[in-house]
N, C-alpha and C. Protein backbone atom coordinates (compact mmCIF):
# COMPACT_ATOMS: atom_id res chain seq x y z
N UNK A 1 115.89 122.22 174.08
CA UNK A 1 114.73 122.99 174.60
C UNK A 1 114.98 124.45 174.23
N UNK A 2 116.19 124.93 174.42
CA UNK A 2 116.47 126.22 174.16
C UNK A 2 116.24 126.64 172.79
N UNK A 3 116.58 125.76 171.88
CA UNK A 3 116.52 125.95 170.45
C UNK A 3 115.03 126.04 169.88
N UNK A 4 114.20 125.36 170.68
CA UNK A 4 112.66 125.41 170.35
C UNK A 4 112.27 126.69 170.83
N UNK A 5 112.58 127.03 171.98
CA UNK A 5 112.13 128.49 172.54
C UNK A 5 112.58 129.49 171.53
N UNK A 6 113.81 129.59 171.17
CA UNK A 6 114.35 130.55 170.21
C UNK A 6 113.58 130.58 168.87
N UNK A 7 113.31 129.47 168.40
CA UNK A 7 112.67 129.29 167.14
C UNK A 7 111.20 129.85 167.25
N UNK A 8 110.50 129.59 168.48
CA UNK A 8 109.28 130.04 168.69
C UNK A 8 109.25 131.60 168.69
N UNK A 9 110.13 132.17 169.42
CA UNK A 9 110.32 133.51 169.58
C UNK A 9 110.60 134.24 168.10
N UNK A 10 111.51 133.68 167.45
CA UNK A 10 111.73 134.12 166.09
C UNK A 10 110.65 134.04 165.22
N UNK A 11 109.81 132.93 165.26
CA UNK A 11 108.55 132.79 164.28
C UNK A 11 107.63 133.80 164.68
N UNK A 12 107.44 134.08 165.95
CA UNK A 12 106.43 135.08 166.53
C UNK A 12 106.86 136.49 166.03
N UNK A 13 108.08 136.80 166.05
CA UNK A 13 108.42 138.16 165.59
C UNK A 13 108.27 138.26 164.12
N UNK A 14 108.52 137.25 163.36
CA UNK A 14 108.24 137.43 161.80
C UNK A 14 106.72 137.44 161.55
N UNK A 15 106.00 136.88 162.31
CA UNK A 15 104.44 136.71 162.15
C UNK A 15 103.82 138.05 162.52
N UNK A 16 104.48 138.99 163.13
CA UNK A 16 103.80 140.22 163.59
C UNK A 16 104.53 141.43 162.95
N UNK A 17 104.27 141.61 161.57
CA UNK A 17 104.80 142.76 161.04
C UNK A 17 103.92 144.01 161.47
N UNK A 18 104.49 145.04 161.74
CA UNK A 18 103.74 146.29 162.24
C UNK A 18 103.62 147.15 161.01
N UNK A 19 102.41 147.30 160.42
CA UNK A 19 102.23 148.06 159.30
C UNK A 19 101.33 149.32 159.80
N UNK A 20 100.91 149.96 158.84
CA UNK A 20 100.02 151.13 159.09
C UNK A 20 98.75 150.94 159.75
N UNK A 21 98.15 149.76 159.52
CA UNK A 21 96.82 149.41 160.10
C UNK A 21 97.10 148.98 161.49
N UNK A 22 98.18 148.23 161.86
CA UNK A 22 98.46 147.82 163.17
C UNK A 22 98.76 148.97 164.06
N UNK A 23 99.50 149.97 163.44
CA UNK A 23 99.76 151.24 164.27
C UNK A 23 98.48 151.89 164.46
N UNK A 24 97.58 152.06 163.61
CA UNK A 24 96.26 152.72 163.75
C UNK A 24 95.41 151.91 164.89
N UNK A 25 95.52 150.56 164.81
CA UNK A 25 94.73 149.89 165.83
C UNK A 25 95.35 150.08 167.20
N UNK A 26 96.64 150.14 167.45
CA UNK A 26 97.34 150.40 168.66
C UNK A 26 96.94 151.83 169.12
N UNK A 27 97.05 152.66 168.21
CA UNK A 27 96.66 154.09 168.59
C UNK A 27 95.29 154.28 169.01
N UNK A 28 94.35 153.67 168.25
CA UNK A 28 92.97 153.81 168.67
C UNK A 28 92.77 153.01 170.03
N UNK A 29 93.40 151.86 170.23
CA UNK A 29 93.25 151.12 171.45
C UNK A 29 93.82 151.95 172.68
N UNK A 30 94.92 152.56 172.51
CA UNK A 30 95.33 153.37 173.60
C UNK A 30 94.48 154.60 173.87
N UNK A 31 94.18 155.38 172.73
CA UNK A 31 93.42 156.62 173.08
C UNK A 31 91.94 156.42 173.29
N UNK A 32 91.30 155.39 172.65
CA UNK A 32 89.79 155.37 172.84
C UNK A 32 89.33 154.04 173.42
N UNK A 33 90.19 153.07 173.66
CA UNK A 33 89.79 151.76 174.38
C UNK A 33 89.77 150.65 173.23
N UNK A 34 89.56 149.52 173.76
CA UNK A 34 89.56 148.26 172.92
C UNK A 34 88.60 148.18 171.86
N UNK A 35 87.26 148.70 172.11
CA UNK A 35 86.20 148.76 171.16
C UNK A 35 86.59 149.44 169.81
N UNK A 36 87.30 150.57 169.94
CA UNK A 36 87.68 151.31 168.75
C UNK A 36 88.81 150.55 167.99
N UNK A 37 89.63 149.84 168.69
CA UNK A 37 90.79 149.12 168.17
C UNK A 37 90.16 147.86 167.41
N UNK A 38 89.19 147.37 168.07
CA UNK A 38 88.47 146.14 167.30
C UNK A 38 87.68 146.52 166.07
N UNK A 39 87.14 147.64 166.10
CA UNK A 39 86.29 148.16 164.96
C UNK A 39 87.39 148.58 163.83
N UNK A 40 88.39 149.10 164.19
CA UNK A 40 89.47 149.47 163.25
C UNK A 40 90.00 148.10 162.51
N UNK A 41 90.31 147.09 163.34
CA UNK A 41 90.62 145.92 162.74
C UNK A 41 89.68 145.24 161.92
N UNK A 42 88.40 145.19 162.31
CA UNK A 42 87.17 144.73 161.65
C UNK A 42 87.10 145.58 160.16
N UNK A 43 87.25 146.80 160.21
CA UNK A 43 87.17 147.49 158.99
C UNK A 43 88.37 147.19 157.98
N UNK A 44 89.56 146.95 158.65
CA UNK A 44 90.63 146.52 157.75
C UNK A 44 90.41 145.20 157.14
N UNK A 45 89.83 144.23 157.89
CA UNK A 45 89.58 142.97 157.27
C UNK A 45 88.40 143.03 156.27
N UNK A 46 87.41 143.90 156.45
CA UNK A 46 86.39 144.02 155.32
C UNK A 46 87.06 144.58 154.14
N UNK A 47 87.81 145.52 154.20
CA UNK A 47 88.42 146.17 153.07
C UNK A 47 89.33 145.13 152.37
N UNK A 48 90.02 144.23 153.23
CA UNK A 48 90.85 143.14 152.53
C UNK A 48 89.89 142.22 151.65
N UNK A 49 88.80 141.82 152.28
CA UNK A 49 87.92 140.94 151.63
C UNK A 49 87.34 141.55 150.39
N UNK A 50 86.92 142.87 150.40
CA UNK A 50 86.39 143.64 149.29
C UNK A 50 87.51 143.57 148.18
N UNK A 51 88.63 143.96 148.52
CA UNK A 51 89.72 144.04 147.47
C UNK A 51 90.08 142.65 146.94
N UNK A 52 90.16 141.59 147.73
CA UNK A 52 90.34 140.31 147.13
C UNK A 52 89.22 139.91 146.20
N UNK A 53 88.05 140.15 146.54
CA UNK A 53 86.84 139.93 145.67
C UNK A 53 86.94 140.74 144.34
N UNK A 54 87.35 142.17 144.39
CA UNK A 54 87.50 142.77 143.17
C UNK A 54 88.57 142.32 142.31
N UNK A 55 89.75 141.94 142.97
CA UNK A 55 90.85 141.34 142.13
C UNK A 55 90.38 140.12 141.58
N UNK A 56 89.64 139.20 142.23
CA UNK A 56 89.15 137.99 141.61
C UNK A 56 88.26 138.12 140.45
N UNK A 57 87.45 139.32 140.47
CA UNK A 57 86.60 139.71 139.53
C UNK A 57 87.10 140.38 138.26
N UNK A 58 88.43 140.73 138.34
CA UNK A 58 89.09 141.22 137.20
C UNK A 58 89.44 142.71 137.27
N UNK A 59 89.52 143.35 138.45
CA UNK A 59 89.70 144.92 138.44
C UNK A 59 91.24 145.13 138.59
N UNK A 60 92.00 144.07 138.54
CA UNK A 60 93.59 144.30 138.63
C UNK A 60 94.13 145.05 137.40
N UNK A 61 93.45 144.76 136.24
CA UNK A 61 93.89 145.55 135.07
C UNK A 61 93.79 147.13 135.20
N UNK A 62 92.66 147.48 135.84
CA UNK A 62 92.61 148.91 136.26
C UNK A 62 93.64 149.56 137.05
N UNK A 63 94.13 148.69 138.09
CA UNK A 63 95.12 149.13 139.02
C UNK A 63 96.50 149.06 138.35
N UNK A 64 96.72 148.33 137.39
CA UNK A 64 98.05 148.35 136.70
C UNK A 64 98.31 149.37 135.69
N UNK A 65 97.24 150.23 135.49
CA UNK A 65 97.45 151.55 134.68
C UNK A 65 98.44 152.47 135.41
N UNK A 66 99.27 153.06 134.53
CA UNK A 66 100.36 154.00 135.22
C UNK A 66 99.77 155.09 135.99
N UNK A 67 98.75 155.71 135.30
CA UNK A 67 98.16 156.87 136.11
C UNK A 67 97.40 156.41 137.37
N UNK A 68 96.78 155.33 137.47
CA UNK A 68 96.21 154.84 138.62
C UNK A 68 97.19 154.50 139.69
N UNK A 69 98.35 154.00 139.22
CA UNK A 69 99.38 153.62 140.07
C UNK A 69 99.94 154.95 140.79
N UNK A 70 100.07 155.97 140.10
CA UNK A 70 100.45 157.21 140.66
C UNK A 70 99.57 157.83 141.63
N UNK A 71 98.26 157.61 141.30
CA UNK A 71 97.24 158.13 142.34
C UNK A 71 97.35 157.34 143.60
N UNK A 72 97.46 155.91 143.44
CA UNK A 72 97.49 155.12 144.54
C UNK A 72 98.83 155.40 145.46
N UNK A 73 99.91 155.76 144.80
CA UNK A 73 101.11 155.97 145.53
C UNK A 73 100.95 157.32 146.34
N UNK A 74 100.29 158.23 145.63
CA UNK A 74 100.13 159.54 146.38
C UNK A 74 99.18 159.45 147.54
N UNK A 75 98.06 158.64 147.26
CA UNK A 75 97.14 158.49 148.44
C UNK A 75 97.81 157.71 149.59
N UNK A 76 98.56 156.73 149.22
CA UNK A 76 99.24 155.91 150.20
C UNK A 76 100.34 156.74 151.02
N UNK A 77 101.07 157.60 150.28
CA UNK A 77 101.92 158.57 150.86
C UNK A 77 101.27 159.48 151.92
N UNK A 78 100.21 160.02 151.60
CA UNK A 78 99.41 160.95 152.42
C UNK A 78 99.00 160.16 153.60
N UNK A 79 98.44 158.99 153.43
CA UNK A 79 97.90 158.16 154.49
C UNK A 79 99.06 157.90 155.57
N UNK A 80 100.09 157.37 155.08
CA UNK A 80 101.24 156.97 156.02
C UNK A 80 101.84 158.26 156.61
N UNK A 81 101.87 159.44 155.82
CA UNK A 81 102.38 160.57 156.47
C UNK A 81 101.41 161.07 157.60
N UNK A 82 100.13 160.93 157.26
CA UNK A 82 99.10 161.35 158.37
C UNK A 82 99.26 160.52 159.60
N UNK A 83 99.46 159.15 159.34
CA UNK A 83 99.48 158.23 160.60
C UNK A 83 100.76 158.49 161.38
N UNK A 84 101.94 158.83 160.63
CA UNK A 84 103.10 158.98 161.33
C UNK A 84 103.06 160.31 162.07
N UNK A 85 102.41 161.32 161.52
CA UNK A 85 102.29 162.56 162.24
C UNK A 85 101.66 162.44 163.62
């Protein structure tokens, strides 16, 4: 029984990675309430669906360009820096 409980706890901790979106949802939930956290999560899901659709339609070749990668890295650095600040 103890092994099953430990496996469940371990699986739960692996399944909940805390990324930038999760931090933003927690911050919005604490500062503005659950509705803002829900809307932030909904927006993240919509962006994921749009990006998956664009990748399916063949936009991955644009993102594999070296200049586009540099722009995406810089934007990602700015966003993560702003969230952590």
